[in-house]
Amino acid sequence: MRITGISAFLFICMMTVSVMLDVLQGMTFIEASQNNVAAFGILTTGDWLIVTFFFVIIFVEVVMILKKKKQQS
C-alpha cells in the first residue's frame, strides 16, 4: 500500500505544481486545471500502454504483499 500511496501523493503534488505554474502565468484556476487534464487526451497508444503497465505492476505488488501478510497471520 505504501507504493500506491506514494505514487498517488507524487501525482497529486506534480499536478498541483503544474496548475500553480499555469496560474502564475496568468491563467485562471479553471483554465489551468483544464490545461493540466488535457495532456492525458493526447497520449498515444504506446504512452497508454506504459501507463497501464505501471498501474498493473503496482496492483500486482499490492496483491502479493496482501497475500504474504495473509499467509503470515
Protein backbone atom coordinates (compact mmCIF):
# COMPACT_ATOMS: atom_id res chain seq x y z
CA MET A 1 0.00 0.00 0.00
CA ARG A 2 2.94 2.31 0.52
CA ILE A 3 3.80 2.19 -3.17
CA THR A 4 0.26 3.12 -4.12
CA GLY A 5 0.12 5.89 -1.53
CA ILE A 6 3.48 7.34 -2.51
CA SER A 7 2.57 7.19 -6.21
CA ALA A 8 -0.74 8.96 -5.58
CA PHE A 9 0.98 11.54 -3.38
CA LEU A 10 3.61 12.29 -6.02
CA PHE A 11 0.95 12.50 -8.75
CA ILE A 12 -1.10 14.97 -6.71
CA CYS A 13 1.99 17.05 -5.90
CA MET A 14 3.08 17.23 -9.54
CA MET A 15 -0.41 18.13 -10.75
CA THR A 16 -0.61 20.85 -8.09
CA VAL A 17 2.75 22.30 -9.11
CA SER A 18 1.67 22.28 -12.75
CA VAL A 19 -1.63 24.03 -12.00
CA MET A 20 0.06 26.63 -9.82
CA LEU A 21 2.66 27.39 -12.51
CA ASP A 22 -0.15 27.93 -15.01
CA VAL A 23 -1.93 30.21 -12.55
CA LEU A 24 1.28 32.21 -12.06
CA GLN A 25 1.48 32.64 -15.83
CA GLY A 26 -1.90 34.35 -15.85
CA MET A 27 -4.48 31.60 -16.35
CA THR A 28 -7.50 31.24 -14.11
CA PHE A 29 -7.64 28.21 -11.87
CA ILE A 30 -10.29 26.56 -14.09
CA GLU A 31 -8.24 27.14 -17.26
CA ALA A 32 -5.11 25.80 -15.54
CA SER A 33 -6.95 22.68 -14.38
CA GLN A 34 -8.37 22.05 -17.85
CA ASN A 35 -4.93 22.58 -19.36
CA ASN A 36 -3.48 20.07 -16.91
CA VAL A 37 -6.06 17.38 -17.66
CA ALA A 38 -5.91 17.96 -21.43
CA ALA A 39 -2.42 16.42 -21.51
CA PHE A 40 -3.96 12.99 -20.97
CA GLY A 41 -6.10 13.39 -24.07
CA ILE A 42 -3.14 13.41 -26.44
CA LEU A 43 -1.41 10.27 -25.20
CA THR A 44 -0.53 7.82 -27.94
CA THR A 45 -1.16 4.08 -27.75
CA GLY A 46 2.41 3.48 -26.58
CA ASP A 47 2.02 6.03 -23.81
CA TRP A 48 -1.22 4.42 -22.65
CA LEU A 49 0.46 1.01 -22.64
CA ILE A 50 3.26 2.31 -20.43
CA VAL A 51 0.81 3.97 -18.03
CA THR A 52 -1.34 0.84 -17.91
CA PHE A 53 1.71 -1.37 -17.39
CA PHE A 54 2.81 0.85 -14.49
CA PHE A 55 -0.57 0.52 -12.76
CA VAL A 56 -0.67 -3.23 -13.38
CA ILE A 57 2.75 -3.62 -11.75
CA ILE A 58 1.64 -1.59 -8.74
CA PHE A 59 -1.58 -3.61 -8.45
CA VAL A 60 0.30 -6.93 -8.64
CA GLU A 61 2.76 -5.79 -5.98
CA VAL A 62 -0.07 -4.77 -3.65
CA VAL A 63 -1.83 -8.12 -4.16
CA MET A 64 1.41 -10.01 -3.50
CA ILE A 65 2.01 -8.04 -0.29
CA LEU A 66 -1.55 -8.68 0.89
CA LYS A 67 -1.22 -12.43 0.18
CA LYS A 68 2.09 -12.53 2.05
CA LYS A 69 0.55 -10.79 5.08
CA LYS A 70 -2.44 -13.14 4.99
CA GLN A 71 -0.18 -16.21 4.98
CA GLN A 72 1.85 -14.90 7.92
CA SER A 73 -1.20 -14.43 10.13
